[in-house]
PDB file of all heavy atoms in Angstrom:
ATOM      1  N   ALA A   1       9.610   9.126   2.915  1.00  0.00           N
ATOM      2  CA  ALA A   1       8.315   8.659   3.453  1.00  0.00           C
ATOM      3  C   ALA A   1       8.473   7.323   4.157  1.00  0.00           C
ATOM      4  O   ALA A   1       9.347   6.481   3.749  1.00  0.00           O
ATOM      5  CB  ALA A   1       7.315   8.516   2.283  1.00  0.00           C
ATOM      6  N   ASP A   2       7.661   7.112   5.160  1.00  0.00           N
ATOM      7  CA  ASP A   2       7.743   5.814   5.880  1.00  0.00           C
ATOM      8  C   ASP A   2       6.817   4.791   5.170  1.00  0.00           C
ATOM      9  O   ASP A   2       6.032   5.107   4.276  1.00  0.00           O
ATOM     10  CB  ASP A   2       7.417   5.959   7.336  1.00  0.00           C
ATOM     11  CG  ASP A   2       6.004   6.431   7.646  1.00  0.00           C
ATOM     12  OD1 ASP A   2       5.072   6.140   6.849  1.00  0.00           O
ATOM     13  OD2 ASP A   2       5.799   7.112   8.683  1.00  0.00           O
ATOM     14  N   LYS A   3       6.929   3.548   5.623  1.00  0.00           N
ATOM     15  CA  LYS A   3       6.162   2.451   5.004  1.00  0.00           C
ATOM     16  C   LYS A   3       4.652   2.669   5.023  1.00  0.00           C
ATOM     17  O   LYS A   3       3.945   2.313   4.090  1.00  0.00           O
ATOM     18  CB  LYS A   3       6.507   1.099   5.632  1.00  0.00           C
ATOM     19  CG  LYS A   3       7.894   0.605   5.195  1.00  0.00           C
ATOM     20  CD  LYS A   3       7.928  -0.903   5.300  1.00  0.00           C
ATOM     21  CE  LYS A   3       9.238  -1.451   4.772  1.00  0.00           C
ATOM     22  NZ  LYS A   3       9.190  -1.800   3.353  1.00  0.00           N
ATOM     23  N   ASP A   4       4.160   3.267   6.169  1.00  0.00           N
ATOM     24  CA  ASP A   4       2.724   3.518   6.283  1.00  0.00           C
ATOM     25  C   ASP A   4       2.263   4.528   5.219  1.00  0.00           C
ATOM     26  O   ASP A   4       1.205   4.329   4.607  1.00  0.00           O
ATOM     27  CB  ASP A   4       2.376   4.106   7.650  1.00  0.00           C
ATOM     28  CG  ASP A   4       2.422   3.024   8.729  1.00  0.00           C
ATOM     29  OD1 ASP A   4       2.321   1.816   8.421  1.00  0.00           O
ATOM     30  OD2 ASP A   4       2.575   3.383   9.930  1.00  0.00           O
ATOM     31  N   GLN A   5       3.069   5.557   4.951  1.00  0.00           N
ATOM     32  CA  GLN A   5       2.694   6.532   3.901  1.00  0.00           C
ATOM     33  C   GLN A   5       2.662   5.892   2.535  1.00  0.00           C
ATOM     34  O   GLN A   5       1.789   6.153   1.728  1.00  0.00           O
ATOM     35  CB  GLN A   5       3.654   7.715   3.919  1.00  0.00           C
ATOM     36  CG  GLN A   5       3.580   8.601   5.114  1.00  0.00           C
ATOM     37  CD  GLN A   5       4.705   9.631   5.132  1.00  0.00           C
ATOM     38  OE1 GLN A   5       5.850   9.259   5.215  1.00  0.00           O
ATOM     39  NE2 GLN A   5       4.365  10.891   4.984  1.00  0.00           N
ATOM     40  N   ILE A   6       3.665   5.031   2.308  1.00  0.00           N
ATOM     41  CA  ILE A   6       3.724   4.338   1.013  1.00  0.00           C
ATOM     42  C   ILE A   6       2.501   3.449   0.812  1.00  0.00           C
ATOM     43  O   ILE A   6       1.845   3.452  -0.227  1.00  0.00           O
ATOM     44  CB  ILE A   6       5.014   3.487   0.870  1.00  0.00           C
ATOM     45  CG1 ILE A   6       6.263   4.384   0.962  1.00  0.00           C
ATOM     46  CG2 ILE A   6       5.020   2.652  -0.347  1.00  0.00           C
ATOM     47  CD1 ILE A   6       6.410   5.351  -0.146  1.00  0.00           C
ATOM     48  N   GLN A   7       2.155   2.680   1.839  1.00  0.00           N
ATOM     49  CA  GLN A   7       0.998   1.788   1.712  1.00  0.00           C
ATOM     50  C   GLN A   7      -0.302   2.503   1.604  1.00  0.00           C
ATOM     51  O   GLN A   7      -1.222   2.042   0.886  1.00  0.00           O
ATOM     52  CB  GLN A   7       1.000   0.777   2.902  1.00  0.00           C
ATOM     53  CG  GLN A   7       2.194  -0.193   2.860  1.00  0.00           C
ATOM     54  CD  GLN A   7       2.437  -0.814   1.493  1.00  0.00           C
ATOM     55  OE1 GLN A   7       1.566  -1.322   0.833  1.00  0.00           O
ATOM     56  NE2 GLN A   7       3.714  -0.739   1.022  1.00  0.00           N
ATOM     57  N   LYS A   8      -0.417   3.699   2.217  1.00  0.00           N
ATOM     58  CA  LYS A   8      -1.631   4.496   2.041  1.00  0.00           C
ATOM     59  C   LYS A   8      -1.770   4.960   0.595  1.00  0.00           C
ATOM     60  O   LYS A   8      -2.866   4.900   0.072  1.00  0.00           O
ATOM     61  CB  LYS A   8      -1.590   5.717   3.004  1.00  0.00           C
ATOM     62  CG  LYS A   8      -1.900   5.360   4.427  1.00  0.00           C
ATOM     63  CD  LYS A   8      -1.812   6.568   5.337  1.00  0.00           C
ATOM     64  CE  LYS A   8      -1.975   6.140   6.778  1.00  0.00           C
ATOM     65  NZ  LYS A   8      -1.661   7.227   7.720  1.00  0.00           N
ATOM     66  N   MET A   9      -0.672   5.345  -0.019  1.00  0.00           N
ATOM     67  CA  MET A   9      -0.711   5.740  -1.401  1.00  0.00           C
ATOM     68  C   MET A   9      -1.051   4.595  -2.326  1.00  0.00           C
ATOM     69  O   MET A   9      -1.761   4.774  -3.297  1.00  0.00           O
ATOM     70  CB  MET A   9       0.626   6.427  -1.832  1.00  0.00           C
ATOM     71  CG  MET A   9       0.786   7.823  -1.300  1.00  0.00           C
ATOM     72  SD  MET A   9      -0.605   8.954  -1.657  1.00  0.00           S
ATOM     73  CE  MET A   9      -0.527   9.012  -3.437  1.00  0.00           C
ATOM     74  N   VAL A  10      -0.514   3.424  -2.004  1.00  0.00           N
ATOM     75  CA  VAL A  10      -0.859   2.235  -2.765  1.00  0.00           C
ATOM     76  C   VAL A  10      -2.371   2.023  -2.750  1.00  0.00           C
ATOM     77  O   VAL A  10      -3.001   1.749  -3.770  1.00  0.00           O
ATOM     78  CB  VAL A  10      -0.097   1.008  -2.274  1.00  0.00           C
ATOM     79  CG1 VAL A  10      -0.696  -0.287  -2.820  1.00  0.00           C
ATOM     80  CG2 VAL A  10       1.377   1.075  -2.654  1.00  0.00           C
ATOM     81  N   ARG A  11      -2.968   2.117  -1.550  1.00  0.00           N
ATOM     82  CA  ARG A  11      -4.428   1.911  -1.422  1.00  0.00           C
ATOM     83  C   ARG A  11      -5.214   3.008  -2.165  1.00  0.00           C
ATOM     84  O   ARG A  11      -6.286   2.730  -2.698  1.00  0.00           O
ATOM     85  CB  ARG A  11      -4.824   1.847   0.028  1.00  0.00           C
ATOM     86  CG  ARG A  11      -4.416   0.542   0.704  1.00  0.00           C
ATOM     87  CD  ARG A  11      -5.069   0.362   2.076  1.00  0.00           C
ATOM     88  NE  ARG A  11      -4.555   1.348   3.029  1.00  0.00           N
ATOM     89  CZ  ARG A  11      -3.441   1.207   3.750  1.00  0.00           C
ATOM     90  NH1 ARG A  11      -2.697   0.136   3.582  1.00  0.00           N
ATOM     91  NH2 ARG A  11      -3.084   2.107   4.607  1.00  0.00           N
ATOM     92  N   ILE A  12      -4.708   4.249  -2.182  1.00  0.00           N
ATOM     93  CA  ILE A  12      -5.382   5.334  -2.856  1.00  0.00           C
ATOM     94  C   ILE A  12      -5.289   5.121  -4.392  1.00  0.00           C
ATOM     95  O   ILE A  12      -6.284   5.256  -5.111  1.00  0.00           O
ATOM     96  CB  ILE A  12      -4.781   6.686  -2.480  1.00  0.00           C
ATOM     97  CG1 ILE A  12      -5.170   7.027  -1.031  1.00  0.00           C
ATOM     98  CG2 ILE A  12      -5.247   7.810  -3.432  1.00  0.00           C
ATOM     99  CD1 ILE A  12      -4.435   8.186  -0.434  1.00  0.00           C
ATOM    100  N   LEU A  13      -4.081   4.820  -4.901  1.00  0.00           N
ATOM    101  CA  LEU A  13      -3.880   4.701  -6.319  1.00  0.00           C
ATOM    102  C   LEU A  13      -4.445   3.374  -6.896  1.00  0.00           C
ATOM    103  O   LEU A  13      -4.827   3.376  -8.063  1.00  0.00           O
ATOM    104  CB  LEU A  13      -2.396   4.803  -6.657  1.00  0.00           C
ATOM    105  CG  LEU A  13      -1.787   6.185  -6.364  1.00  0.00           C
ATOM    106  CD1 LEU A  13      -0.235   6.078  -6.480  1.00  0.00           C
ATOM    107  CD2 LEU A  13      -2.337   7.225  -7.258  1.00  0.00           C
ATOM    108  N   LEU A  14      -4.424   2.324  -6.118  1.00  0.00           N
ATOM    109  CA  LEU A  14      -4.934   1.015  -6.568  1.00  0.00           C
ATOM    110  C   LEU A  14      -5.820   0.414  -5.494  1.00  0.00           C
ATOM    111  O   LEU A  14      -5.415  -0.516  -4.804  1.00  0.00           O
ATOM    112  CB  LEU A  14      -3.776   0.073  -6.915  1.00  0.00           C
ATOM    113  CG  LEU A  14      -2.913   0.385  -8.118  1.00  0.00           C
ATOM    114  CD1 LEU A  14      -1.744  -0.589  -8.195  1.00  0.00           C
ATOM    115  CD2 LEU A  14      -3.740   0.307  -9.364  1.00  0.00           C
ATOM    116  N   PRO A  15      -7.044   0.928  -5.388  1.00  0.00           N
ATOM    117  CA  PRO A  15      -7.905   0.378  -4.337  1.00  0.00           C
ATOM    118  C   PRO A  15      -8.203  -1.117  -4.423  1.00  0.00           C
ATOM    119  O   PRO A  15      -8.470  -1.757  -3.405  1.00  0.00           O
ATOM    120  CB  PRO A  15      -9.209   1.177  -4.496  1.00  0.00           C
ATOM    121  CG  PRO A  15      -8.942   2.231  -5.499  1.00  0.00           C
ATOM    122  CD  PRO A  15      -7.655   1.959  -6.154  1.00  0.00           C
ATOM    123  N   ALA A  16      -8.071  -1.697  -5.633  1.00  0.00           N
ATOM    124  CA  ALA A  16      -8.346  -3.134  -5.805  1.00  0.00           C
ATOM    125  C   ALA A  16      -7.201  -3.977  -5.210  1.00  0.00           C
ATOM    126  O   ALA A  16      -7.398  -5.140  -4.933  1.00  0.00           O
ATOM    127  CB  ALA A  16      -8.531  -3.497  -7.259  1.00  0.00           C
ATOM    128  N   ALA A  17      -6.043  -3.365  -5.018  1.00  0.00           N
ATOM    129  CA  ALA A  17      -4.901  -4.092  -4.428  1.00  0.00           C
ATOM    130  C   ALA A  17      -5.128  -4.266  -2.947  1.00  0.00           C
ATOM    131  O   ALA A  17      -5.513  -3.362  -2.258  1.00  0.00           O
ATOM    132  CB  ALA A  17      -3.601  -3.388  -4.715  1.00  0.00           C
ATOM    133  N   ASP A  18      -4.849  -5.465  -2.494  1.00  0.00           N
ATOM    134  CA  ASP A  18      -4.973  -5.741  -1.043  1.00  0.00           C
ATOM    135  C   ASP A  18      -3.782  -6.591  -0.648  1.00  0.00           C
ATOM    136  O   ASP A  18      -3.904  -7.812  -0.438  1.00  0.00           O
ATOM    137  CB  ASP A  18      -6.273  -6.496  -0.779  1.00  0.00           C
ATOM    138  CG  ASP A  18      -6.530  -6.715   0.702  1.00  0.00           C
ATOM    139  OD1 ASP A  18      -5.948  -5.993   1.537  1.00  0.00           O
ATOM    140  OD2 ASP A  18      -7.270  -7.669   1.037  1.00  0.00           O
ATOM    141  N   PRO A  19      -2.564  -5.920  -0.500  1.00  0.00           N
ATOM    142  CA  PRO A  19      -1.398  -6.738  -0.205  1.00  0.00           C
ATOM    143  C   PRO A  19      -1.473  -7.451   1.141  1.00  0.00           C
ATOM    144  O   PRO A  19      -1.956  -6.865   2.127  1.00  0.00           O
ATOM    145  CB  PRO A  19      -0.263  -5.710  -0.200  1.00  0.00           C
ATOM    146  CG  PRO A  19      -0.960  -4.359  -0.084  1.00  0.00           C
ATOM    147  CD  PRO A  19      -2.332  -4.510  -0.586  1.00  0.00           C
ATOM    148  N   LYS A  20      -1.079  -8.699   1.139  1.00  0.00           N
ATOM    149  CA  LYS A  20      -1.129  -9.509   2.361  1.00  0.00           C
ATOM    150  C   LYS A  20       0.151  -9.479   3.165  1.00  0.00           C
ATOM    151  O   LYS A  20       0.225 -10.051   4.237  1.00  0.00           O
ATOM    152  CB  LYS A  20      -1.427 -10.962   2.008  1.00  0.00           C
ATOM    153  CG  LYS A  20      -2.646 -11.165   1.118  1.00  0.00           C
ATOM    154  CD  LYS A  20      -3.912 -10.867   1.892  1.00  0.00           C
ATOM    155  CE  LYS A  20      -5.155 -11.227   1.099  1.00  0.00           C
ATOM    156  NZ  LYS A  20      -5.759 -10.149   0.395  1.00  0.00           N
ATOM    157  N   SER A  21       1.198  -8.833   2.610  1.00  0.00           N
ATOM    158  CA  SER A  21       2.486  -8.751   3.342  1.00  0.00           C
ATOM    159  C   SER A  21       3.186  -7.493   2.916  1.00  0.00           C
ATOM    160  O   SER A  21       2.894  -6.914   1.853  1.00  0.00           O
ATOM    161  CB  SER A  21       3.356  -9.933   2.992  1.00  0.00           C
ATOM    162  OG  SER A  21       3.862  -9.811   1.667  1.00  0.00           O
ATOM    163  N   PRO A  22       4.131  -7.027   3.727  1.00  0.00           N
ATOM    164  CA  PRO A  22       4.916  -5.839   3.353  1.00  0.00           C
ATOM    165  C   PRO A  22       5.667  -6.009   2.028  1.00  0.00           C
ATOM    166  O   PRO A  22       5.784  -5.076   1.270  1.00  0.00           O
ATOM    167  CB  PRO A  22       5.876  -5.657   4.526  1.00  0.00           C
ATOM    168  CG  PRO A  22       5.265  -6.349   5.634  1.00  0.00           C
ATOM    169  CD  PRO A  22       4.479  -7.484   5.075  1.00  0.00           C
ATOM    170  N   ASP A  23       6.152  -7.227   1.758  1.00  0.00           N
ATOM    171  CA  ASP A  23       6.889  -7.444   0.520  1.00  0.00           C
ATOM    172  C   ASP A  23       5.996  -7.290  -0.705  1.00  0.00           C
ATOM    173  O   ASP A  23       6.402  -6.726  -1.720  1.00  0.00           O
ATOM    174  CB  ASP A  23       7.553  -8.863   0.548  1.00  0.00           C
ATOM    175  CG  ASP A  23       8.391  -9.066   1.761  1.00  0.00           C
ATOM    176  OD1 ASP A  23       9.463  -8.419   1.823  1.00  0.00           O
ATOM    177  OD2 ASP A  23       7.987  -9.823   2.653  1.00  0.00           O
ATOM    178  N   GLU A  24       4.795  -7.789  -0.616  1.00  0.00           N
ATOM    179  CA  GLU A  24       3.827  -7.664  -1.713  1.00  0.00           C
ATOM    180  C   GLU A  24       3.459  -6.161  -1.861  1.00  0.00           C
ATOM    181  O   GLU A  24       3.401  -5.665  -3.006  1.00  0.00           O
ATOM    182  CB  GLU A  24       2.610  -8.499  -1.353  1.00  0.00           C
ATOM    183  CG  GLU A  24       1.573  -8.603  -2.459  1.00  0.00           C
ATOM    184  CD  GLU A  24       0.427  -9.512  -2.088  1.00  0.00           C
ATOM    185  OE1 GLU A  24       0.524 -10.254  -1.106  1.00  0.00           O
ATOM    186  OE2 GLU A  24      -0.580  -9.468  -2.811  1.00  0.00           O
TER     187      GLU A  24
END
């Protein structure tokens, strides 16, 4: 999976998370 797919899953699984950088 590419980084966009990973970050979409992060937002789905943890909607309260709002990472400010790719490392976060």
